[in-house]
Structures are given as C-alpha cells and as structure tokens.
PDB file of all heavy atoms in Angstrom:
ATOM      1  N   GLY A   1     -55.860  -3.629   7.130  1.00  0.00           N
ATOM      2  CA  GLY A   1     -55.260  -4.733   7.873  1.00  0.00           C
ATOM      3  C   GLY A   1     -53.747  -4.669   7.840  1.00  0.00           C
ATOM      4  O   GLY A   1     -53.152  -3.710   7.368  1.00  0.00           O
ATOM      5  N   ALA A   2     -53.120  -5.705   8.356  1.00  0.00           N
ATOM      6  CA  ALA A   2     -51.656  -5.785   8.388  1.00  0.00           C
ATOM      7  C   ALA A   2     -51.171  -6.202   7.003  1.00  0.00           C
ATOM      8  O   ALA A   2     -50.802  -7.345   6.775  1.00  0.00           O
ATOM      9  CB  ALA A   2     -51.200  -6.759   9.458  1.00  0.00           C
ATOM     10  N   ASP A   3     -51.186  -5.250   6.090  1.00  0.00           N
ATOM     11  CA  ASP A   3     -50.928  -5.601   4.698  1.00  0.00           C
ATOM     12  C   ASP A   3     -49.738  -4.881   4.081  1.00  0.00           C
ATOM     13  O   ASP A   3     -49.559  -4.913   2.879  1.00  0.00           O
ATOM     14  CB  ASP A   3     -52.166  -5.334   3.858  1.00  0.00           C
ATOM     15  CG  ASP A   3     -52.512  -3.858   3.764  1.00  0.00           C
ATOM     16  OD1 ASP A   3     -52.066  -3.090   4.626  1.00  0.00           O
ATOM     17  OD2 ASP A   3     -53.214  -3.481   2.809  1.00  0.00           O
ATOM     18  N   LYS A   4     -48.904  -4.253   4.890  1.00  0.00           N
ATOM     19  CA  LYS A   4     -47.693  -3.615   4.365  1.00  0.00           C
ATOM     20  C   LYS A   4     -46.534  -4.576   4.606  1.00  0.00           C
ATOM     21  O   LYS A   4     -46.239  -4.944   5.736  1.00  0.00           O
ATOM     22  CB  LYS A   4     -47.405  -2.277   5.055  1.00  0.00           C
ATOM     23  CG  LYS A   4     -48.541  -1.263   4.991  1.00  0.00           C
ATOM     24  CD  LYS A   4     -48.970  -0.949   3.582  1.00  0.00           C
ATOM     25  CE  LYS A   4     -49.980   0.156   3.531  1.00  0.00           C
ATOM     26  NZ  LYS A   4     -51.341  -0.231   3.813  1.00  0.00           N
ATOM     27  N   LEU A   5     -45.903  -4.995   3.538  1.00  0.00           N
ATOM     28  CA  LEU A   5     -44.816  -5.961   3.609  1.00  0.00           C
ATOM     29  C   LEU A   5     -43.502  -5.255   3.331  1.00  0.00           C
ATOM     30  O   LEU A   5     -43.368  -4.539   2.340  1.00  0.00           O
ATOM     31  CB  LEU A   5     -45.040  -7.072   2.582  1.00  0.00           C
ATOM     32  CG  LEU A   5     -43.999  -8.178   2.528  1.00  0.00           C
ATOM     33  CD1 LEU A   5     -44.034  -8.998   3.814  1.00  0.00           C
ATOM     34  CD2 LEU A   5     -44.259  -9.071   1.325  1.00  0.00           C
ATOM     35  N   CYS A   6     -42.530  -5.451   4.211  1.00  0.00           N
ATOM     36  CA  CYS A   6     -41.195  -4.898   4.028  1.00  0.00           C
ATOM     37  C   CYS A   6     -40.230  -6.059   3.829  1.00  0.00           C
ATOM     38  O   CYS A   6     -40.161  -6.959   4.660  1.00  0.00           O
ATOM     39  CB  CYS A   6     -40.764  -4.078   5.243  1.00  0.00           C
ATOM     40  SG  CYS A   6     -39.068  -3.471   5.108  1.00  0.00           S
ATOM     41  N   THR A   7     -39.517  -6.031   2.716  1.00  0.00           N
ATOM     42  CA  THR A   7     -38.456  -6.992   2.459  1.00  0.00           C
ATOM     43  C   THR A   7     -37.153  -6.221   2.504  1.00  0.00           C
ATOM     44  O   THR A   7     -36.982  -5.250   1.779  1.00  0.00           O
ATOM     45  CB  THR A   7     -38.628  -7.663   1.086  1.00  0.00           C
ATOM     46  OG1 THR A   7     -39.921  -8.262   1.018  1.00  0.00           O
ATOM     47  CG2 THR A   7     -37.555  -8.714   0.858  1.00  0.00           C
ATOM     48  N   LEU A   8     -36.254  -6.637   3.361  1.00  0.00           N
ATOM     49  CA  LEU A   8     -34.979  -5.959   3.523  1.00  0.00           C
ATOM     50  C   LEU A   8     -33.867  -6.924   3.111  1.00  0.00           C
ATOM     51  O   LEU A   8     -33.787  -8.030   3.629  1.00  0.00           O
ATOM     52  CB  LEU A   8     -34.808  -5.529   4.978  1.00  0.00           C
ATOM     53  CG  LEU A   8     -33.879  -4.353   5.212  1.00  0.00           C
ATOM     54  CD1 LEU A   8     -34.260  -3.640   6.493  1.00  0.00           C
ATOM     55  CD2 LEU A   8     -32.455  -4.750   5.252  1.00  0.00           C
ATOM     56  N   LEU A   9     -33.062  -6.513   2.144  1.00  0.00           N
ATOM     57  CA  LEU A   9     -31.965  -7.327   1.637  1.00  0.00           C
ATOM     58  C   LEU A   9     -30.642  -6.643   1.929  1.00  0.00           C
ATOM     59  O   LEU A   9     -30.504  -5.450   1.680  1.00  0.00           O
ATOM     60  CB  LEU A   9     -32.083  -7.494   0.123  1.00  0.00           C
ATOM     61  CG  LEU A   9     -33.303  -8.192  -0.425  1.00  0.00           C
ATOM     62  CD1 LEU A   9     -34.357  -7.188  -0.780  1.00  0.00           C
ATOM     63  CD2 LEU A   9     -32.915  -8.984  -1.637  1.00  0.00           C
ATOM     64  N   LEU A  10     -29.697  -7.386   2.464  1.00  0.00           N
ATOM     65  CA  LEU A  10     -28.341  -6.883   2.685  1.00  0.00           C
ATOM     66  C   LEU A  10     -27.380  -7.721   1.858  1.00  0.00           C
ATOM     67  O   LEU A  10     -27.412  -8.947   1.927  1.00  0.00           O
ATOM     68  CB  LEU A  10     -27.915  -7.034   4.143  1.00  0.00           C
ATOM     69  CG  LEU A  10     -28.415  -6.073   5.180  1.00  0.00           C
ATOM     70  CD1 LEU A  10     -27.721  -6.357   6.501  1.00  0.00           C
ATOM     71  CD2 LEU A  10     -28.218  -4.654   4.793  1.00  0.00           C
ATOM     72  N   ARG A  11     -26.554  -7.071   1.091  1.00  0.00           N
ATOM     73  CA  ARG A  11     -25.485  -7.775   0.369  1.00  0.00           C
ATOM     74  C   ARG A  11     -24.243  -7.698   1.241  1.00  0.00           C
ATOM     75  O   ARG A  11     -23.678  -6.626   1.434  1.00  0.00           O
ATOM     76  CB  ARG A  11     -25.251  -7.105  -0.978  1.00  0.00           C
ATOM     77  CG  ARG A  11     -24.070  -7.593  -1.773  1.00  0.00           C
ATOM     78  CD  ARG A  11     -24.161  -9.029  -2.285  1.00  0.00           C
ATOM     79  NE  ARG A  11     -25.409  -9.456  -2.835  1.00  0.00           N
ATOM     80  CZ  ARG A  11     -25.730  -9.453  -4.129  1.00  0.00           C
ATOM     81  NH1 ARG A  11     -24.906  -8.994  -5.018  1.00  0.00           N
ATOM     82  NH2 ARG A  11     -26.908  -9.912  -4.524  1.00  0.00           N
ATOM     83  N   VAL A  12     -23.851  -8.839   1.812  1.00  0.00           N
ATOM     84  CA  VAL A  12     -22.714  -8.918   2.706  1.00  0.00           C
ATOM     85  C   VAL A  12     -21.482  -9.259   1.883  1.00  0.00           C
ATOM     86  O   VAL A  12     -21.495 -10.215   1.107  1.00  0.00           O
ATOM     87  CB  VAL A  12     -22.945  -9.983   3.801  1.00  0.00           C
ATOM     88  CG1 VAL A  12     -21.758 -10.073   4.744  1.00  0.00           C
ATOM     89  CG2 VAL A  12     -24.215  -9.679   4.575  1.00  0.00           C
ATOM     90  N   LYS A  13     -20.427  -8.481   2.046  1.00  0.00           N
ATOM     91  CA  LYS A  13     -19.184  -8.723   1.311  1.00  0.00           C
ATOM     92  C   LYS A  13     -18.588 -10.056   1.729  1.00  0.00           C
ATOM     93  O   LYS A  13     -18.438 -10.330   2.913  1.00  0.00           O
ATOM     94  CB  LYS A  13     -18.177  -7.605   1.569  1.00  0.00           C
ATOM     95  CG  LYS A  13     -18.611  -6.270   1.021  1.00  0.00           C
ATOM     96  CD  LYS A  13     -17.600  -5.191   1.356  1.00  0.00           C
ATOM     97  CE  LYS A  13     -18.098  -3.842   0.881  1.00  0.00           C
ATOM     98  NZ  LYS A  13     -17.217  -2.753   1.297  1.00  0.00           N
ATOM     99  N   GLY A  14     -18.283 -10.876   0.751  1.00  0.00           N
ATOM    100  CA  GLY A  14     -17.653 -12.157   1.025  1.00  0.00           C
ATOM    101  C   GLY A  14     -18.567 -13.179   1.661  1.00  0.00           C
ATOM    102  O   GLY A  14     -18.105 -14.170   2.210  1.00  0.00           O
ATOM    103  N   GLY A  15     -19.868 -12.971   1.607  1.00  0.00           N
ATOM    104  CA  GLY A  15     -20.806 -13.909   2.216  1.00  0.00           C
ATOM    105  C   GLY A  15     -22.128 -13.913   1.486  1.00  0.00           C
ATOM    106  O   GLY A  15     -22.300 -13.238   0.469  1.00  0.00           O
ATOM    107  N   SER A  16     -23.067 -14.666   1.998  1.00  0.00           N
ATOM    108  CA  SER A  16     -24.381 -14.730   1.375  1.00  0.00           C
ATOM    109  C   SER A  16     -25.241 -13.558   1.840  1.00  0.00           C
ATOM    110  O   SER A  16     -24.991 -12.947   2.876  1.00  0.00           O
ATOM    111  CB  SER A  16     -25.065 -16.053   1.708  1.00  0.00           C
ATOM    112  OG  SER A  16     -25.177 -16.208   3.103  1.00  0.00           O
ATOM    113  N   ASP A  17     -26.256 -13.254   1.057  1.00  0.00           N
ATOM    114  CA  ASP A  17     -27.164 -12.155   1.372  1.00  0.00           C
ATOM    115  C   ASP A  17     -27.997 -12.475   2.610  1.00  0.00           C
ATOM    116  O   ASP A  17     -28.244 -13.639   2.927  1.00  0.00           O
ATOM    117  CB  ASP A  17     -28.118 -11.896   0.204  1.00  0.00           C
ATOM    118  CG  ASP A  17     -27.408 -11.400  -1.036  1.00  0.00           C
ATOM    119  OD1 ASP A  17     -26.208 -11.066  -0.942  1.00  0.00           O
ATOM    120  OD2 ASP A  17     -28.053 -11.346  -2.088  1.00  0.00           O
ATOM    121  N   ILE A  18     -28.432 -11.421   3.280  1.00  0.00           N
ATOM    122  CA  ILE A  18     -29.385 -11.545   4.384  1.00  0.00           C
ATOM    123  C   ILE A  18     -30.699 -10.970   3.882  1.00  0.00           C
ATOM    124  O   ILE A  18     -30.744  -9.840   3.393  1.00  0.00           O
ATOM    125  CB  ILE A  18     -28.900 -10.778   5.631  1.00  0.00           C
ATOM    126  CG1 ILE A  18     -27.599 -11.383   6.159  1.00  0.00           C
ATOM    127  CG2 ILE A  18     -29.976 -10.789   6.714  1.00  0.00           C
ATOM    128  CD1 ILE A  18     -26.967 -10.604   7.291  1.00  0.00           C
ATOM    129  N   ILE A  19     -31.769 -11.747   3.978  1.00  0.00           N
ATOM    130  CA  ILE A  19     -33.083 -11.317   3.516  1.00  0.00           C
ATOM    131  C   ILE A  19     -34.077 -11.519   4.656  1.00  0.00           C
ATOM    132  O   ILE A  19     -34.191 -12.617   5.195  1.00  0.00           O
ATOM    133  CB  ILE A  19     -33.541 -12.127   2.286  1.00  0.00           C
ATOM    134  CG1 ILE A  19     -32.517 -12.011   1.164  1.00  0.00           C
ATOM    135  CG2 ILE A  19     -34.919 -11.670   1.837  1.00  0.00           C
ATOM    136  CD1 ILE A  19     -32.763 -12.950   0.011  1.00  0.00           C
ATOM    137  N   LEU A  20     -34.788 -10.433   5.010  1.00  0.00           N
ATOM    138  CA  LEU A  20     -35.796 -10.493   6.069  1.00  0.00           C
ATOM    139  C   LEU A  20     -37.097  -9.888   5.564  1.00  0.00           C
ATOM    140  O   LEU A  20     -37.087  -8.915   4.801  1.00  0.00           O
ATOM    141  CB  LEU A  20     -35.332  -9.707   7.299  1.00  0.00           C
ATOM    142  CG  LEU A  20     -34.167 -10.318   8.055  1.00  0.00           C
ATOM    143  CD1 LEU A  20     -33.610  -9.327   9.037  1.00  0.00           C
ATOM    144  CD2 LEU A  20     -34.615 -11.551   8.778  1.00  0.00           C
ATOM    145  N   ARG A  21     -38.209 -10.438   6.022  1.00  0.00           N
ATOM    146  CA  ARG A  21     -39.527  -9.906   5.673  1.00  0.00           C
ATOM    147  C   ARG A  21     -40.327  -9.681   6.945  1.00  0.00           C
ATOM    148  O   ARG A  21     -40.328 -10.518   7.838  1.00  0.00           O
ATOM    149  CB  ARG A  21     -40.268 -10.876   4.770  1.00  0.00           C
ATOM    150  CG  ARG A  21     -39.696 -10.943   3.389  1.00  0.00           C
ATOM    151  CD  ARG A  21     -40.578 -11.771   2.454  1.00  0.00           C
ATOM    152  NE  ARG A  21     -40.023 -11.718   1.126  1.00  0.00           N
ATOM    153  CZ  ARG A  21     -39.136 -12.577   0.647  1.00  0.00           C
ATOM    154  NH1 ARG A  21     -38.711 -13.561   1.394  1.00  0.00           N
ATOM    155  NH2 ARG A  21     -38.675 -12.454  -0.581  1.00  0.00           N
ATOM    156  N   GLU A  22     -41.023  -8.548   6.977  1.00  0.00           N
ATOM    157  CA  GLU A  22     -41.917  -8.220   8.089  1.00  0.00           C
ATOM    158  C   GLU A  22     -43.205  -7.653   7.523  1.00  0.00           C
ATOM    159  O   GLU A  22     -43.178  -6.920   6.529  1.00  0.00           O
ATOM    160  CB  GLU A  22     -41.283  -7.194   9.032  1.00  0.00           C
ATOM    161  CG  GLU A  22     -40.201  -7.744   9.909  1.00  0.00           C
ATOM    162  CD  GLU A  22     -40.703  -8.712  10.966  1.00  0.00           C
ATOM    163  OE1 GLU A  22     -41.905  -8.675  11.322  1.00  0.00           O
ATOM    164  OE2 GLU A  22     -39.890  -9.511  11.436  1.00  0.00           O
ATOM    165  N   ARG A  23     -44.315  -7.963   8.168  1.00  0.00           N
ATOM    166  CA  ARG A  23     -45.622  -7.460   7.740  1.00  0.00           C
ATOM    167  C   ARG A  23     -46.268  -6.732   8.907  1.00  0.00           C
ATOM    168  O   ARG A  23     -46.295  -7.243  10.031  1.00  0.00           O
ATOM    169  CB  ARG A  23     -46.505  -8.614   7.301  1.00  0.00           C
ATOM    170  CG  ARG A  23     -47.841  -8.173   6.752  1.00  0.00           C
ATOM    171  CD  ARG A  23     -48.639  -9.359   6.324  1.00  0.00           C
ATOM    172  NE  ARG A  23     -48.075  -9.824   5.064  1.00  0.00           N
ATOM    173  CZ  ARG A  23     -48.768 -10.469   4.145  1.00  0.00           C
ATOM    174  NH1 ARG A  23     -50.023 -10.764   4.356  1.00  0.00           N
ATOM    175  NH2 ARG A  23     -48.215 -10.848   3.028  1.00  0.00           N
ATOM    176  N   GLU A  24     -46.766  -5.535   8.631  1.00  0.00           N
ATOM    177  CA  GLU A  24     -47.413  -4.702   9.650  1.00  0.00           C
ATOM    178  C   GLU A  24     -48.567  -3.944   9.001  1.00  0.00           C
ATOM    179  O   GLU A  24     -48.755  -3.982   7.781  1.00  0.00           O
ATOM    180  CB  GLU A  24     -46.418  -3.684  10.234  1.00  0.00           C
ATOM    181  CG  GLU A  24     -45.378  -4.271  11.147  1.00  0.00           C
ATOM    182  CD  GLU A  24     -45.930  -4.618  12.517  1.00  0.00           C
ATOM    183  OE1 GLU A  24     -46.896  -3.975  12.970  1.00  0.00           O
ATOM    184  OE2 GLU A  24     -45.382  -5.538  13.132  1.00  0.00           O
ATOM    185  N   ALA A  25     -49.289  -3.199   9.829  1.00  0.00           N
ATOM    186  CA  ALA A  25     -50.400  -2.388   9.321  1.00  0.00           C
ATOM    187  C   ALA A  25     -49.899  -1.163   8.560  1.00  0.00           C
ATOM    188  O   ALA A  25     -50.570  -0.670   7.659  1.00  0.00           O
ATOM    189  CB  ALA A  25     -51.302  -1.954  10.473  1.00  0.00           C
ATOM    190  N   ASP A  26     -48.709  -0.669   8.904  1.00  0.00           N
ATOM    191  CA  ASP A  26     -48.165   0.495   8.195  1.00  0.00           C
ATOM    192  C   ASP A  26     -46.734   0.195   7.744  1.00  0.00           C
ATOM    193  O   ASP A  26     -46.031  -0.629   8.325  1.00  0.00           O
ATOM    194  CB  ASP A  26     -48.206   1.756   9.062  1.00  0.00           C
ATOM    195  CG  ASP A  26     -47.323   1.641  10.282  1.00  0.00           C
ATOM    196  OD1 ASP A  26     -47.603   0.779  11.144  1.00  0.00           O
ATOM    197  OD2 ASP A  26     -46.349   2.403  10.361  1.00  0.00           O
ATOM    198  N   ALA A  27     -46.319   0.873   6.697  1.00  0.00           N
ATOM    199  CA  ALA A  27     -45.010   0.629   6.083  1.00  0.00           C
ATOM    200  C   ALA A  27     -43.877   0.961   7.045  1.00  0.00           C
ATOM    201  O   ALA A  27     -42.879   0.233   7.102  1.00  0.00           O
ATOM    202  CB  ALA A  27     -44.882   1.442   4.800  1.00  0.00           C
TER     203      ALA A  27
END
C-alpha cells in the first residue's frame, strides 16, 4: 500500500524550519 513516508526538513538561515511529509507507495 501507500506506506512509504518521506519527511523533508529544511533548516532556513535566520528563519524557522520547513517540514513537509508525503506518503506514497514507493520511497
């Protein structure tokens, strides 16, 4: 099933982090 979860974190200089999550069948 759609069970591969990707969490992507960006550390932005002088700002707050950006965090995104996506779930799909493949990584």
